[in-house]
Amino acid sequence: MAPDPAPGTVPTARRTPAPTARLAFRRMTPDDLDDMAALLGDPEVMRYYPRPKDRAEALAWIEWNQRLYRQQGFGLWLVTLRATGEFVGDCGLTPQEIEGTTDLEVGYHVRADLQGRGYAGEAAAACRDHARDALGAKRLIAIIHPDNTPSQRVAEKTGLGYERAAVHRSGRPVRRYAAVL
């Protein structure tokens, strides 16, 4: 791992994605626990996961991303509306292992009351561009539940095509979408 940057500087790989027309990205902190617990605890948002997360699991989610920021220079970032600062959800990049292969995945969660407005696609596209331009990634995947057609559409609009069916390490079937960057 590269040494920490000099004070006042941030290596490219540690920056957040560039803001979009409507969205801004920043690192998660423990101060975001109320928003993240509401998001990850919402049965509608988490309907394609084994179950919603409780508050302790939401804190563990934040801590996992903070470790990724330190170790990898990226993770899932908190997403807000640029105009108001209102919490939208999270979106970002994580290393994911599927059937023995680790790839860079773009993932996203949007508050249930804000779904259907294009925020997930806008955020995912910004993260895709960040992966390619700032991190030098050559490949990007999305791991999606077979019944989650809205997320499959987001992946396709982001330029990821269906690659194949796979089995997640949890034993659940998934669809893997991928793109060469």
N, C-alpha and C. Protein backbone atom coordinates (compact mmCIF):
# COMPACT_ATOMS: atom_id res chain seq x y z
N MET A 1 0.85 -1.18 0.00
CA MET A 1 0.00 0.00 0.00
C MET A 1 0.89 1.23 0.00
N ALA A 2 0.47 2.25 -0.70
CA ALA A 2 1.23 3.49 -0.79
C ALA A 2 1.21 4.22 0.55
N PRO A 3 2.27 4.98 0.84
CA PRO A 3 2.27 5.74 2.09
C PRO A 3 1.19 6.81 2.06
N ASP A 4 0.80 7.27 3.25
CA ASP A 4 -0.19 8.34 3.32
C ASP A 4 0.37 9.59 2.65
N PRO A 5 -0.52 10.38 2.06
CA PRO A 5 -0.07 11.59 1.36
C PRO A 5 0.45 12.63 2.34
N ALA A 6 1.25 13.55 1.80
CA ALA A 6 1.71 14.67 2.61
C ALA A 6 0.49 15.49 3.02
N PRO A 7 0.56 16.18 4.19
CA PRO A 7 -0.58 17.00 4.60
C PRO A 7 -0.99 17.97 3.50
N GLY A 8 -2.30 18.07 3.30
CA GLY A 8 -2.81 18.99 2.30
C GLY A 8 -2.92 18.41 0.90
N THR A 9 -2.45 17.17 0.71
CA THR A 9 -2.54 16.54 -0.61
C THR A 9 -3.30 15.24 -0.50
N VAL A 10 -3.93 14.86 -1.56
CA VAL A 10 -4.66 13.59 -1.61
C VAL A 10 -4.32 12.92 -2.92
N PRO A 11 -3.80 11.68 -2.87
CA PRO A 11 -3.50 11.02 -4.14
C PRO A 11 -4.79 10.80 -4.91
N THR A 12 -4.68 10.74 -6.22
CA THR A 12 -5.84 10.58 -7.08
C THR A 12 -6.73 9.44 -6.64
N ALA A 13 -6.15 8.32 -6.28
CA ALA A 13 -6.92 7.14 -5.93
C ALA A 13 -7.71 7.31 -4.63
N ARG A 14 -7.46 8.36 -3.88
CA ARG A 14 -8.18 8.57 -2.63
C ARG A 14 -9.27 9.61 -2.75
N ARG A 15 -9.42 10.25 -3.85
CA ARG A 15 -10.47 11.24 -4.04
C ARG A 15 -11.81 10.56 -4.24
N THR A 16 -12.85 11.32 -4.03
CA THR A 16 -14.19 10.82 -4.33
C THR A 16 -14.49 11.10 -5.79
N PRO A 17 -15.52 10.47 -6.34
CA PRO A 17 -15.92 10.81 -7.72
C PRO A 17 -16.27 12.28 -7.84
N ALA A 18 -16.11 12.80 -9.04
CA ALA A 18 -16.49 14.19 -9.30
C ALA A 18 -18.00 14.35 -9.12
N PRO A 19 -18.44 15.50 -8.63
CA PRO A 19 -19.88 15.71 -8.53
C PRO A 19 -20.54 15.62 -9.91
N THR A 20 -21.79 15.23 -9.91
CA THR A 20 -22.57 15.20 -11.15
C THR A 20 -23.44 16.46 -11.17
N ALA A 21 -24.31 16.55 -12.15
CA ALA A 21 -25.21 17.71 -12.22
C ALA A 21 -26.06 17.83 -10.96
N ARG A 22 -26.45 16.69 -10.38
CA ARG A 22 -27.36 16.73 -9.22
C ARG A 22 -26.78 16.18 -7.93
N LEU A 23 -25.69 15.43 -8.00
CA LEU A 23 -25.22 14.67 -6.85
C LEU A 23 -23.80 15.02 -6.45
N ALA A 24 -23.52 14.86 -5.15
CA ALA A 24 -22.16 15.02 -4.61
C ALA A 24 -21.82 13.76 -3.82
N PHE A 25 -20.53 13.48 -3.70
CA PHE A 25 -20.03 12.30 -3.01
C PHE A 25 -19.09 12.73 -1.89
N ARG A 26 -19.14 12.00 -0.79
CA ARG A 26 -18.16 12.20 0.27
C ARG A 26 -17.99 10.90 1.05
N ARG A 27 -16.91 10.81 1.80
CA ARG A 27 -16.67 9.63 2.62
C ARG A 27 -17.70 9.55 3.74
N MET A 28 -18.06 8.33 4.10
CA MET A 28 -18.95 8.10 5.23
C MET A 28 -18.17 8.32 6.53
N THR A 29 -18.89 8.78 7.55
CA THR A 29 -18.33 8.90 8.90
C THR A 29 -19.37 8.35 9.88
N PRO A 30 -18.96 8.11 11.12
CA PRO A 30 -19.94 7.67 12.12
C PRO A 30 -21.11 8.65 12.30
N ASP A 31 -20.89 9.92 11.96
CA ASP A 31 -21.98 10.89 12.05
C ASP A 31 -23.11 10.60 11.07
N ASP A 32 -22.86 9.73 10.11
CA ASP A 32 -23.87 9.36 9.11
C ASP A 32 -24.70 8.15 9.54
N LEU A 33 -24.52 7.70 10.76
CA LEU A 33 -25.19 6.47 11.19
C LEU A 33 -26.70 6.55 11.09
N ASP A 34 -27.32 7.65 11.49
CA ASP A 34 -28.78 7.73 11.41
C ASP A 34 -29.28 7.53 9.98
N ASP A 35 -28.66 8.23 9.03
CA ASP A 35 -29.07 8.09 7.62
C ASP A 35 -28.79 6.69 7.09
N MET A 36 -27.60 6.16 7.39
CA MET A 36 -27.25 4.83 6.87
C MET A 36 -28.09 3.73 7.52
N ALA A 37 -28.39 3.87 8.81
CA ALA A 37 -29.24 2.88 9.48
C ALA A 37 -30.64 2.89 8.89
N ALA A 38 -31.16 4.08 8.58
CA ALA A 38 -32.49 4.16 7.96
C ALA A 38 -32.46 3.55 6.57
N LEU A 39 -31.42 3.82 5.80
CA LEU A 39 -31.30 3.29 4.44
C LEU A 39 -31.17 1.78 4.45
N LEU A 40 -30.20 1.28 5.18
CA LEU A 40 -29.91 -0.15 5.18
C LEU A 40 -30.91 -0.96 6.00
N GLY A 41 -31.69 -0.28 6.81
CA GLY A 41 -32.73 -0.93 7.59
C GLY A 41 -34.09 -0.93 6.91
N ASP A 42 -34.19 -0.27 5.76
CA ASP A 42 -35.46 -0.17 5.04
C ASP A 42 -35.72 -1.46 4.26
N PRO A 43 -36.81 -2.17 4.57
CA PRO A 43 -37.09 -3.42 3.86
C PRO A 43 -37.25 -3.24 2.35
N GLU A 44 -37.73 -2.09 1.90
CA GLU A 44 -37.88 -1.85 0.47
C GLU A 44 -36.51 -1.71 -0.21
N VAL A 45 -35.60 -0.95 0.39
CA VAL A 45 -34.25 -0.77 -0.16
C VAL A 45 -33.50 -2.10 -0.15
N MET A 46 -33.72 -2.90 0.88
CA MET A 46 -32.94 -4.13 1.08
C MET A 46 -33.70 -5.38 0.63
N ARG A 47 -34.72 -5.24 -0.17
CA ARG A 47 -35.57 -6.39 -0.54
C ARG A 47 -34.83 -7.49 -1.29
N TYR A 48 -33.71 -7.20 -1.91
CA TYR A 48 -32.95 -8.23 -2.62
C TYR A 48 -31.75 -8.73 -1.83
N TYR A 49 -31.66 -8.33 -0.58
CA TYR A 49 -30.66 -8.83 0.35
C TYR A 49 -31.32 -9.87 1.25
N PRO A 50 -30.53 -10.66 1.96
CA PRO A 50 -31.15 -11.65 2.85
C PRO A 50 -32.11 -11.02 3.87
N ARG A 51 -31.76 -9.80 4.34
CA ARG A 51 -32.62 -9.09 5.28
C ARG A 51 -32.09 -7.67 5.44
N PRO A 52 -32.93 -6.76 5.95
CA PRO A 52 -32.42 -5.42 6.26
C PRO A 52 -31.37 -5.50 7.37
N LYS A 53 -30.55 -4.47 7.46
CA LYS A 53 -29.51 -4.41 8.49
C LYS A 53 -30.02 -3.62 9.70
N ASP A 54 -29.57 -4.03 10.88
CA ASP A 54 -29.92 -3.28 12.08
C ASP A 54 -28.88 -2.15 12.27
N ARG A 55 -29.06 -1.37 13.32
CA ARG A 55 -28.21 -0.20 13.54
C ARG A 55 -26.74 -0.61 13.72
N ALA A 56 -26.48 -1.67 14.45
CA ALA A 56 -25.10 -2.13 14.65
C ALA A 56 -24.48 -2.56 13.32
N GLU A 57 -25.28 -3.21 12.47
CA GLU A 57 -24.77 -3.62 11.16
C GLU A 57 -24.54 -2.41 10.25
N ALA A 58 -25.36 -1.38 10.40
CA ALA A 58 -25.15 -0.16 9.62
C ALA A 58 -23.85 0.52 10.05
N LEU A 59 -23.56 0.52 11.36
CA LEU A 59 -22.29 1.07 11.83
C LEU A 59 -21.13 0.24 11.29
N ALA A 60 -21.27 -1.08 11.29
CA ALA A 60 -20.22 -1.95 10.72
C ALA A 60 -20.02 -1.65 9.23
N TRP A 61 -21.11 -1.33 8.51
CA TRP A 61 -21.04 -0.96 7.09
C TRP A 61 -20.18 0.29 6.92
N ILE A 62 -20.43 1.29 7.77
CA ILE A 62 -19.64 2.53 7.72
C ILE A 62 -18.18 2.23 8.02
N GLU A 63 -17.92 1.43 9.05
CA GLU A 63 -16.54 1.09 9.41
C GLU A 63 -15.85 0.30 8.32
N TRP A 64 -16.56 -0.61 7.65
CA TRP A 64 -16.01 -1.37 6.51
C TRP A 64 -15.57 -0.40 5.42
N ASN A 65 -16.42 0.58 5.11
CA ASN A 65 -16.06 1.55 4.08
C ASN A 65 -14.90 2.42 4.50
N GLN A 66 -14.82 2.79 5.76
CA GLN A 66 -13.68 3.57 6.23
C GLN A 66 -12.39 2.77 6.08
N ARG A 67 -12.44 1.46 6.35
CA ARG A 67 -11.25 0.60 6.13
C ARG A 67 -10.89 0.58 4.64
N LEU A 68 -11.91 0.45 3.79
CA LEU A 68 -11.63 0.45 2.34
C LEU A 68 -10.98 1.77 1.91
N TYR A 69 -11.45 2.91 2.44
CA TYR A 69 -10.85 4.20 2.09
C TYR A 69 -9.36 4.19 2.44
N ARG A 70 -9.04 3.69 3.64
CA ARG A 70 -7.64 3.67 4.09
C ARG A 70 -6.80 2.68 3.30
N GLN A 71 -7.34 1.49 3.08
CA GLN A 71 -6.56 0.41 2.47
C GLN A 71 -6.55 0.45 0.95
N GLN A 72 -7.66 0.82 0.34
CA GLN A 72 -7.79 0.78 -1.12
C GLN A 72 -7.82 2.17 -1.76
N GLY A 73 -8.20 3.19 -0.98
CA GLY A 73 -8.37 4.52 -1.54
C GLY A 73 -9.76 4.74 -2.12
N PHE A 74 -10.66 3.79 -1.92
CA PHE A 74 -12.04 3.91 -2.41
C PHE A 74 -12.94 3.04 -1.56
N GLY A 75 -14.22 3.16 -1.79
CA GLY A 75 -15.25 2.39 -1.09
C GLY A 75 -16.59 2.87 -1.58
N LEU A 76 -17.61 2.64 -0.78
CA LEU A 76 -18.91 3.24 -1.07
C LEU A 76 -18.91 4.62 -0.43
N TRP A 77 -19.35 5.61 -1.17
CA TRP A 77 -19.39 6.98 -0.66
C TRP A 77 -20.82 7.37 -0.36
N LEU A 78 -20.99 8.29 0.56
CA LEU A 78 -22.29 8.86 0.84
C LEU A 78 -22.66 9.76 -0.33
N VAL A 79 -23.90 9.68 -0.78
CA VAL A 79 -24.38 10.48 -1.91
C VAL A 79 -25.43 11.47 -1.39
N THR A 80 -25.26 12.74 -1.77
CA THR A 80 -26.21 13.79 -1.38
C THR A 80 -26.62 14.61 -2.61
N LEU A 81 -27.74 15.29 -2.47
CA LEU A 81 -28.16 16.23 -3.52
C LEU A 81 -27.28 17.47 -3.43
N ARG A 82 -26.72 17.89 -4.53
CA ARG A 82 -25.85 19.08 -4.53
C ARG A 82 -26.60 20.32 -4.12
N ALA A 83 -27.83 20.46 -4.56
CA ALA A 83 -28.59 21.68 -4.32
C ALA A 83 -28.94 21.89 -2.85
N THR A 84 -29.16 20.81 -2.12
CA THR A 84 -29.67 20.93 -0.75
C THR A 84 -28.83 20.21 0.30
N GLY A 85 -27.96 19.28 -0.12
CA GLY A 85 -27.21 18.47 0.82
C GLY A 85 -28.01 17.30 1.37
N GLU A 86 -29.22 17.11 0.88
CA GLU A 86 -30.08 16.03 1.36
C GLU A 86 -29.47 14.67 1.06
N PHE A 87 -29.55 13.77 2.03
CA PHE A 87 -29.03 12.41 1.90
C PHE A 87 -29.84 11.65 0.86
N VAL A 88 -29.14 11.02 -0.10
CA VAL A 88 -29.76 10.21 -1.15
C VAL A 88 -29.52 8.73 -0.90
N GLY A 89 -28.28 8.35 -0.54
CA GLY A 89 -27.94 6.95 -0.35
C GLY A 89 -26.43 6.78 -0.38
N ASP A 90 -25.99 5.64 -0.88
CA ASP A 90 -24.56 5.41 -1.05
C ASP A 90 -24.31 4.81 -2.43
N CYS A 91 -23.11 5.02 -2.90
CA CYS A 91 -22.70 4.47 -4.19
C CYS A 91 -21.18 4.48 -4.21
N GLY A 92 -20.61 3.46 -4.82
CA GLY A 92 -19.16 3.45 -4.89
C GLY A 92 -18.61 2.16 -5.42
N LEU A 93 -17.37 1.91 -5.06
CA LEU A 93 -16.57 0.83 -5.61
C LEU A 93 -16.03 -0.04 -4.49
N THR A 94 -16.18 -1.35 -4.64
CA THR A 94 -15.67 -2.28 -3.65
C THR A 94 -15.09 -3.50 -4.35
N PRO A 95 -14.03 -4.08 -3.79
CA PRO A 95 -13.54 -5.34 -4.34
C PRO A 95 -14.51 -6.45 -3.93
N GLN A 96 -14.96 -7.25 -4.89
CA GLN A 96 -15.91 -8.33 -4.60
C GLN A 96 -15.42 -9.63 -5.22
N GLU A 97 -15.47 -10.69 -4.42
CA GLU A 97 -15.05 -12.00 -4.89
C GLU A 97 -16.29 -12.83 -5.25
N ILE A 98 -16.29 -13.33 -6.47
CA ILE A 98 -17.35 -14.22 -6.95
C ILE A 98 -16.68 -15.43 -7.57
N GLU A 99 -16.99 -16.58 -7.04
CA GLU A 99 -16.49 -17.85 -7.58
C GLU A 99 -14.98 -17.83 -7.80
N GLY A 100 -14.25 -17.32 -6.81
CA GLY A 100 -12.80 -17.36 -6.84
C GLY A 100 -12.11 -16.23 -7.56
N THR A 101 -12.86 -15.30 -8.12
CA THR A 101 -12.27 -14.17 -8.83
C THR A 101 -12.69 -12.88 -8.15
N THR A 102 -11.72 -11.99 -7.87
CA THR A 102 -12.04 -10.70 -7.27
C THR A 102 -12.01 -9.63 -8.36
N ASP A 103 -13.10 -8.89 -8.43
CA ASP A 103 -13.24 -7.78 -9.39
C ASP A 103 -13.68 -6.53 -8.64
N LEU A 104 -13.54 -5.40 -9.29
CA LEU A 104 -14.02 -4.12 -8.76
C LEU A 104 -15.49 -4.00 -9.10
N GLU A 105 -16.32 -3.83 -8.07
CA GLU A 105 -17.76 -3.73 -8.29
C GLU A 105 -18.25 -2.32 -8.03
N VAL A 106 -19.21 -1.86 -8.84
CA VAL A 106 -19.95 -0.65 -8.54
C VAL A 106 -21.24 -1.08 -7.85
N GLY A 107 -21.52 -0.45 -6.72
CA GLY A 107 -22.72 -0.77 -5.96
C GLY A 107 -23.44 0.49 -5.55
N TYR A 108 -24.73 0.38 -5.27
CA TYR A 108 -25.53 1.57 -4.96
C TYR A 108 -26.78 1.18 -4.19
N HIS A 109 -27.17 2.11 -3.31
CA HIS A 109 -28.44 2.03 -2.58
C HIS A 109 -29.01 3.45 -2.58
N VAL A 110 -30.28 3.58 -2.94
CA VAL A 110 -30.96 4.88 -2.95
C VAL A 110 -32.19 4.77 -2.06
N ARG A 111 -32.42 5.81 -1.27
CA ARG A 111 -33.61 5.84 -0.42
C ARG A 111 -34.85 5.47 -1.23
N ALA A 112 -35.74 4.70 -0.65
CA ALA A 112 -36.93 4.22 -1.36
C ALA A 112 -37.77 5.37 -1.92
N ASP A 113 -37.91 6.46 -1.17
CA ASP A 113 -38.73 7.58 -1.62
C ASP A 113 -38.07 8.39 -2.73
N LEU A 114 -36.80 8.12 -3.03
CA LEU A 114 -36.09 8.84 -4.10
C LEU A 114 -35.79 7.94 -5.30
N GLN A 115 -36.21 6.68 -5.24
CA GLN A 115 -35.96 5.77 -6.36
C GLN A 115 -36.81 6.17 -7.57
N GLY A 116 -36.34 5.80 -8.76
CA GLY A 116 -37.05 6.11 -9.98
C GLY A 116 -36.78 7.49 -10.55
N ARG A 117 -35.81 8.21 -9.99
CA ARG A 117 -35.47 9.56 -10.45
C ARG A 117 -34.13 9.61 -11.18
N GLY A 118 -33.51 8.44 -11.37
CA GLY A 118 -32.24 8.39 -12.09
C GLY A 118 -31.02 8.62 -11.23
N TYR A 119 -31.17 8.74 -9.91
CA TYR A 119 -30.01 9.00 -9.05
C TYR A 119 -29.03 7.83 -9.05
N ALA A 120 -29.52 6.60 -9.00
CA ALA A 120 -28.61 5.45 -8.98
C ALA A 120 -27.76 5.41 -10.24
N GLY A 121 -28.37 5.60 -11.40
CA GLY A 121 -27.62 5.59 -12.65
C GLY A 121 -26.62 6.72 -12.74
N GLU A 122 -27.02 7.90 -12.30
CA GLU A 122 -26.12 9.06 -12.33
C GLU A 122 -24.92 8.84 -11.41
N ALA A 123 -25.18 8.31 -10.21
CA ALA A 123 -24.10 8.04 -9.26
C ALA A 123 -23.20 6.91 -9.77
N ALA A 124 -23.81 5.85 -10.29
CA ALA A 124 -23.03 4.71 -10.79
C ALA A 124 -22.14 5.12 -11.96
N ALA A 125 -22.64 5.97 -12.84
CA ALA A 125 -21.83 6.44 -13.97
C ALA A 125 -20.64 7.26 -13.48
N ALA A 126 -20.85 8.10 -12.47
CA ALA A 126 -19.75 8.88 -11.90
C ALA A 126 -18.70 7.96 -11.28
N CYS A 127 -19.17 6.90 -10.61
CA CYS A 127 -18.23 5.95 -10.00
C CYS A 127 -17.50 5.13 -11.06
N ARG A 128 -18.20 4.77 -12.14
CA ARG A 128 -17.55 4.08 -13.27
C ARG A 128 -16.43 4.95 -13.83
N ASP A 129 -16.72 6.22 -14.05
CA ASP A 129 -15.71 7.13 -14.59
C ASP A 129 -14.55 7.30 -13.63
N HIS A 130 -14.85 7.36 -12.34
CA HIS A 130 -13.80 7.47 -11.32
C HIS A 130 -12.91 6.22 -11.33
N ALA A 131 -13.53 5.04 -11.45
CA ALA A 131 -12.77 3.79 -11.50
C ALA A 131 -11.81 3.81 -12.68
N ARG A 132 -12.29 4.25 -13.83
CA ARG A 132 -11.47 4.26 -15.05
C ARG A 132 -10.42 5.37 -14.99
N ASP A 133 -10.84 6.58 -14.68
CA ASP A 133 -9.97 7.75 -14.83
C ASP A 133 -9.04 7.97 -13.64
N ALA A 134 -9.53 7.78 -12.43
CA ALA A 134 -8.71 8.05 -11.24
C ALA A 134 -7.98 6.82 -10.74
N LEU A 135 -8.62 5.65 -10.88
CA LEU A 135 -8.01 4.43 -10.35
C LEU A 135 -7.31 3.61 -11.41
N GLY A 136 -7.56 3.90 -12.68
CA GLY A 136 -6.95 3.12 -13.74
C GLY A 136 -7.52 1.72 -13.88
N ALA A 137 -8.72 1.50 -13.38
CA ALA A 137 -9.34 0.17 -13.48
C ALA A 137 -9.62 -0.16 -14.94
N LYS A 138 -9.44 -1.42 -15.26
CA LYS A 138 -9.67 -1.89 -16.63
C LYS A 138 -10.99 -2.63 -16.78
N ARG A 139 -11.59 -3.00 -15.66
CA ARG A 139 -12.82 -3.80 -15.69
C ARG A 139 -13.68 -3.40 -14.49
N LEU A 140 -14.99 -3.44 -14.67
CA LEU A 140 -15.93 -3.11 -13.61
C LEU A 140 -17.09 -4.08 -13.68
N ILE A 141 -17.56 -4.54 -12.52
CA ILE A 141 -18.69 -5.45 -12.50
C ILE A 141 -19.80 -4.89 -11.61
N ALA A 142 -20.96 -5.49 -11.73
CA ALA A 142 -22.08 -5.29 -10.80
C ALA A 142 -22.65 -6.67 -10.51
N ILE A 143 -22.88 -6.96 -9.26
CA ILE A 143 -23.44 -8.24 -8.82
C ILE A 143 -24.87 -7.97 -8.40
N ILE A 144 -25.83 -8.57 -9.11
CA ILE A 144 -27.23 -8.19 -8.94
C ILE A 144 -28.11 -9.41 -8.76
N HIS A 145 -29.04 -9.32 -7.83
CA HIS A 145 -30.02 -10.39 -7.61
C HIS A 145 -30.80 -10.61 -8.91
N PRO A 146 -31.08 -11.86 -9.25
CA PRO A 146 -31.78 -12.14 -10.52
C PRO A 146 -33.13 -11.45 -10.68
N ASP A 147 -33.82 -11.15 -9.58
CA ASP A 147 -35.14 -10.51 -9.65
C ASP A 147 -35.07 -8.99 -9.61
N ASN A 148 -33.89 -8.43 -9.41
CA ASN A 148 -33.76 -6.98 -9.25
C ASN A 148 -33.61 -6.30 -10.62
N THR A 149 -34.72 -6.24 -11.36
CA THR A 149 -34.66 -5.65 -12.70
C THR A 149 -34.34 -4.15 -12.68
N PRO A 150 -34.78 -3.35 -11.68
CA PRO A 150 -34.36 -1.94 -11.69
C PRO A 150 -32.84 -1.78 -11.62
N SER A 151 -32.18 -2.58 -10.78
CA SER A 151 -30.73 -2.49 -10.67
C SER A 151 -30.05 -3.01 -11.94
N GLN A 152 -30.64 -4.01 -12.57
CA GLN A 152 -30.10 -4.49 -13.84
C GLN A 152 -30.15 -3.40 -14.90
N ARG A 153 -31.24 -2.62 -14.90
CA ARG A 153 -31.36 -1.50 -15.86
C ARG A 153 -30.30 -0.43 -15.58
N VAL A 154 -30.06 -0.16 -14.29
CA VAL A 154 -29.02 0.81 -13.93
C VAL A 154 -27.67 0.34 -14.46
N ALA A 155 -27.35 -0.94 -14.24
CA ALA A 155 -26.07 -1.48 -14.73
C ALA A 155 -25.96 -1.32 -16.24
N GLU A 156 -27.02 -1.66 -16.96
CA GLU A 156 -26.99 -1.56 -18.42
C GLU A 156 -26.85 -0.12 -18.88
N LYS A 157 -27.55 0.81 -18.25
CA LYS A 157 -27.43 2.23 -18.61
C LYS A 157 -26.04 2.78 -18.29
N THR A 158 -25.35 2.12 -17.35
CA THR A 158 -24.00 2.53 -16.98
C THR A 158 -22.96 1.91 -17.90
N GLY A 159 -23.41 1.05 -18.81
CA GLY A 159 -22.50 0.45 -19.77
C GLY A 159 -22.04 -0.95 -19.42
N LEU A 160 -22.60 -1.54 -18.39
CA LEU A 160 -22.26 -2.91 -18.01
C LEU A 160 -23.27 -3.85 -18.65
N GLY A 161 -22.78 -4.87 -19.31
CA GLY A 161 -23.64 -5.85 -19.95
C GLY A 161 -23.70 -7.13 -19.15
N TYR A 162 -24.80 -7.85 -19.33
CA TYR A 162 -24.94 -9.14 -18.66
C TYR A 162 -23.81 -10.06 -19.09
N GLU A 163 -23.11 -10.62 -18.12
CA GLU A 163 -21.99 -11.51 -18.41
C GLU A 163 -22.40 -12.97 -18.18
N ARG A 164 -22.94 -13.26 -16.99
CA ARG A 164 -23.35 -14.64 -16.72
C ARG A 164 -24.00 -14.74 -15.35
N ALA A 165 -24.68 -15.87 -15.16
CA ALA A 165 -25.20 -16.21 -13.84
C ALA A 165 -24.03 -16.70 -12.99
N ALA A 166 -24.11 -16.45 -11.70
CA ALA A 166 -23.05 -16.86 -10.79
C ALA A 166 -23.67 -17.16 -9.43
N VAL A 167 -22.83 -17.60 -8.51
CA VAL A 167 -23.26 -17.86 -7.15
C VAL A 167 -22.43 -16.99 -6.22
N HIS A 168 -23.10 -16.16 -5.43
CA HIS A 168 -22.44 -15.31 -4.45
C HIS A 168 -21.85 -16.17 -3.34
N ARG A 169 -20.84 -15.66 -2.65
CA ARG A 169 -20.21 -16.44 -1.57
C ARG A 169 -21.22 -16.81 -0.48
N SER A 170 -22.34 -16.11 -0.40
CA SER A 170 -23.39 -16.44 0.56
C SER A 170 -24.22 -17.64 0.11
N GLY A 171 -23.98 -18.08 -1.14
CA GLY A 171 -24.74 -19.19 -1.69
C GLY A 171 -25.93 -18.75 -2.52
N ARG A 172 -26.20 -17.45 -2.56
CA ARG A 172 -27.32 -16.92 -3.34
C ARG A 172 -26.97 -16.83 -4.82
N PRO A 173 -27.94 -17.10 -5.69
CA PRO A 173 -27.69 -16.87 -7.12
C PRO A 173 -27.67 -15.37 -7.41
N VAL A 174 -26.81 -14.99 -8.33
CA VAL A 174 -26.71 -13.59 -8.76
C VAL A 174 -26.50 -13.54 -10.27
N ARG A 175 -26.71 -12.37 -10.82
CA ARG A 175 -26.37 -12.09 -12.21
C ARG A 175 -25.17 -11.16 -12.18
N ARG A 176 -24.14 -11.49 -12.95
CA ARG A 176 -22.96 -10.64 -13.00
C ARG A 176 -22.98 -9.83 -14.29
N TYR A 177 -22.89 -8.53 -14.12
CA TYR A 177 -22.79 -7.60 -15.24
C TYR A 177 -21.35 -7.10 -15.26
N ALA A 178 -20.82 -6.78 -16.44
CA ALA A 178 -19.41 -6.37 -16.52
C ALA A 178 -19.19 -5.45 -17.70
N ALA A 179 -18.12 -4.68 -17.60
CA ALA A 179 -17.70 -3.80 -18.70
C ALA A 179 -16.18 -3.69 -18.66
N VAL A 180 -15.59 -3.61 -19.83
CA VAL A 180 -14.19 -3.25 -19.97
C VAL A 180 -14.16 -1.74 -20.02
N LEU A 181 -13.30 -1.13 -19.19
CA LEU A 181 -13.26 0.33 -19.12
C LEU A 181 -12.21 0.92 -20.03
